[in-house]
Amino acid sequence: MSDQPHIDPAGNTQAFRAFANAREQESAAAKPKKSPLLPILAVVLAVVIIGVAAFLLLQ
């Protein structure tokens, strides 16, 4: 037998998973909520462009 003590890899894996899950939860909580301003502006801009194009084509 070896003189080195047997290290259970499951304990290390469980500790790592707990650490990784804690880090993911911290980073998710730290992220600011996304503002819906950009999609709203994109829709408004698309409507304006379509309106101007229809106006110019129908003249």
N, C-alpha and C. Protein backbone atom coordinates (compact mmCIF):
# COMPACT_ATOMS: atom_id res chain seq x y z
N MET A 1 0.83 -1.18 0.00
CA MET A 1 0.00 0.00 0.00
C MET A 1 0.87 1.25 0.00
N SER A 2 0.30 2.31 -0.42
CA SER A 2 0.99 3.58 -0.48
C SER A 2 0.99 4.26 0.89
N ASP A 3 2.03 5.04 1.14
CA ASP A 3 2.10 5.79 2.40
C ASP A 3 1.24 7.05 2.37
N GLN A 4 0.79 7.43 1.19
CA GLN A 4 -0.02 8.65 1.07
C GLN A 4 -1.46 8.36 1.50
N PRO A 5 -2.08 9.33 2.17
CA PRO A 5 -3.48 9.10 2.57
C PRO A 5 -4.40 9.15 1.35
N HIS A 6 -5.47 8.39 1.43
CA HIS A 6 -6.44 8.36 0.34
C HIS A 6 -7.34 9.60 0.44
N ILE A 7 -7.40 10.38 -0.65
CA ILE A 7 -8.24 11.58 -0.69
C ILE A 7 -9.46 11.26 -1.53
N ASP A 8 -10.61 11.46 -0.94
CA ASP A 8 -11.87 11.18 -1.63
C ASP A 8 -12.14 12.28 -2.65
N PRO A 9 -12.13 11.97 -3.95
CA PRO A 9 -12.37 13.01 -4.95
C PRO A 9 -13.80 13.53 -4.92
N ALA A 10 -14.75 12.75 -4.40
CA ALA A 10 -16.13 13.21 -4.35
C ALA A 10 -16.26 14.42 -3.42
N GLY A 11 -15.52 14.42 -2.34
CA GLY A 11 -15.56 15.57 -1.43
C GLY A 11 -15.05 16.83 -2.10
N ASN A 12 -13.99 16.71 -2.87
CA ASN A 12 -13.45 17.86 -3.57
C ASN A 12 -14.41 18.33 -4.66
N THR A 13 -15.04 17.39 -5.34
CA THR A 13 -15.98 17.75 -6.40
C THR A 13 -17.20 18.45 -5.82
N GLN A 14 -17.69 17.94 -4.71
CA GLN A 14 -18.84 18.57 -4.08
C GLN A 14 -18.50 19.97 -3.59
N ALA A 15 -17.31 20.15 -3.05
CA ALA A 15 -16.89 21.47 -2.60
C ALA A 15 -16.76 22.43 -3.78
N PHE A 16 -16.22 21.93 -4.88
CA PHE A 16 -16.08 22.78 -6.06
C PHE A 16 -17.44 23.16 -6.62
N ARG A 17 -18.36 22.20 -6.68
CA ARG A 17 -19.70 22.50 -7.20
C ARG A 17 -20.41 23.52 -6.33
N ALA A 18 -20.26 23.39 -5.02
CA ALA A 18 -20.88 24.37 -4.12
C ALA A 18 -20.27 25.75 -4.35
N PHE A 19 -18.97 25.81 -4.53
CA PHE A 19 -18.29 27.08 -4.80
C PHE A 19 -18.76 27.66 -6.13
N ALA A 20 -18.83 26.84 -7.18
CA ALA A 20 -19.23 27.32 -8.50
C ALA A 20 -20.68 27.80 -8.49
N ASN A 21 -21.56 27.07 -7.82
CA ASN A 21 -22.97 27.48 -7.74
C ASN A 21 -23.11 28.79 -6.98
N ALA A 22 -22.34 28.96 -5.92
CA ALA A 22 -22.39 30.21 -5.15
C ALA A 22 -21.92 31.38 -6.01
N ARG A 23 -20.89 31.17 -6.80
CA ARG A 23 -20.37 32.24 -7.67
C ARG A 23 -21.39 32.59 -8.75
N GLU A 24 -22.07 31.59 -9.31
CA GLU A 24 -23.08 31.86 -10.35
C GLU A 24 -24.24 32.67 -9.77
N GLN A 25 -24.65 32.33 -8.56
CA GLN A 25 -25.76 33.04 -7.93
C GLN A 25 -25.36 34.48 -7.60
N GLU A 26 -24.11 34.68 -7.16
CA GLU A 26 -23.64 36.04 -6.87
C GLU A 26 -23.58 36.88 -8.13
N SER A 27 -23.07 36.29 -9.22
CA SER A 27 -22.95 37.06 -10.46
C SER A 27 -24.33 37.35 -11.05
N ALA A 28 -25.27 36.43 -10.91
CA ALA A 28 -26.62 36.67 -11.42
C ALA A 28 -27.31 37.76 -10.62
N ALA A 29 -27.07 37.80 -9.33
CA ALA A 29 -27.68 38.83 -8.48
C ALA A 29 -27.01 40.19 -8.72
N ALA A 30 -25.75 40.20 -9.13
CA ALA A 30 -25.03 41.45 -9.32
C ALA A 30 -25.35 42.12 -10.65
N LYS A 31 -25.86 41.34 -11.62
CA LYS A 31 -26.17 41.91 -12.93
C LYS A 31 -27.39 42.81 -12.84
N PRO A 32 -27.29 44.00 -13.41
CA PRO A 32 -28.47 44.88 -13.41
C PRO A 32 -29.52 44.36 -14.39
N LYS A 33 -30.75 44.67 -14.11
CA LYS A 33 -31.84 44.27 -15.00
C LYS A 33 -31.72 45.04 -16.31
N LYS A 34 -32.01 44.35 -17.40
CA LYS A 34 -31.92 45.01 -18.71
C LYS A 34 -33.13 45.91 -18.90
N SER A 35 -32.87 47.06 -19.44
CA SER A 35 -33.92 48.02 -19.71
C SER A 35 -34.62 47.67 -21.02
N PRO A 36 -35.93 47.79 -21.08
CA PRO A 36 -36.63 47.50 -22.35
C PRO A 36 -36.56 48.68 -23.32
N LEU A 37 -35.73 49.66 -23.02
CA LEU A 37 -35.66 50.87 -23.84
C LEU A 37 -35.16 50.56 -25.25
N LEU A 38 -34.15 49.74 -25.40
CA LEU A 38 -33.59 49.46 -26.72
C LEU A 38 -34.60 48.77 -27.65
N PRO A 39 -35.29 47.73 -27.23
CA PRO A 39 -36.28 47.13 -28.14
C PRO A 39 -37.43 48.08 -28.48
N ILE A 40 -37.83 48.90 -27.53
CA ILE A 40 -38.90 49.86 -27.81
C ILE A 40 -38.44 50.87 -28.85
N LEU A 41 -37.22 51.37 -28.70
CA LEU A 41 -36.69 52.33 -29.68
C LEU A 41 -36.56 51.69 -31.06
N ALA A 42 -36.16 50.42 -31.10
CA ALA A 42 -36.03 49.73 -32.39
C ALA A 42 -37.38 49.60 -33.08
N VAL A 43 -38.42 49.28 -32.33
CA VAL A 43 -39.76 49.15 -32.92
C VAL A 43 -40.26 50.50 -33.41
N VAL A 44 -40.07 51.55 -32.61
CA VAL A 44 -40.50 52.89 -33.01
C VAL A 44 -39.75 53.33 -34.27
N LEU A 45 -38.46 53.08 -34.31
CA LEU A 45 -37.67 53.46 -35.48
C LEU A 45 -38.12 52.69 -36.72
N ALA A 46 -38.42 51.41 -36.57
CA ALA A 46 -38.89 50.62 -37.71
C ALA A 46 -40.23 51.14 -38.21
N VAL A 47 -41.14 51.50 -37.31
CA VAL A 47 -42.45 52.04 -37.71
C VAL A 47 -42.27 53.37 -38.45
N VAL A 48 -41.38 54.20 -37.96
CA VAL A 48 -41.14 55.50 -38.62
C VAL A 48 -40.55 55.29 -40.00
N ILE A 49 -39.59 54.38 -40.14
CA ILE A 49 -38.98 54.12 -41.45
C ILE A 49 -40.01 53.56 -42.42
N ILE A 50 -40.83 52.62 -41.97
CA ILE A 50 -41.87 52.06 -42.83
C ILE A 50 -42.88 53.13 -43.22
N GLY A 51 -43.24 54.00 -42.27
CA GLY A 51 -44.18 55.08 -42.57
C GLY A 51 -43.63 56.06 -43.59
N VAL A 52 -42.37 56.45 -43.44
CA VAL A 52 -41.74 57.37 -44.40
C VAL A 52 -41.64 56.71 -45.77
N ALA A 53 -41.26 55.44 -45.81
CA ALA A 53 -41.15 54.74 -47.10
C ALA A 53 -42.51 54.62 -47.77
N ALA A 54 -43.55 54.32 -47.00
CA ALA A 54 -44.90 54.22 -47.60
C ALA A 54 -45.36 55.58 -48.08
N PHE A 55 -45.08 56.63 -47.33
CA PHE A 55 -45.46 57.98 -47.74
C PHE A 55 -44.79 58.36 -49.05
N LEU A 56 -43.49 58.07 -49.16
CA LEU A 56 -42.76 58.43 -50.37
C LEU A 56 -43.20 57.58 -51.57
N LEU A 57 -43.52 56.32 -51.35
CA LEU A 57 -43.95 55.47 -52.46
C LEU A 57 -45.33 55.80 -52.95
N LEU A 58 -46.21 56.31 -52.08
CA LEU A 58 -47.58 56.57 -52.47
C LEU A 58 -47.80 57.97 -53.04
N GLN A 59 -46.76 58.74 -53.10
CA GLN A 59 -46.91 60.08 -53.69
C GLN A 59 -46.74 60.05 -55.19
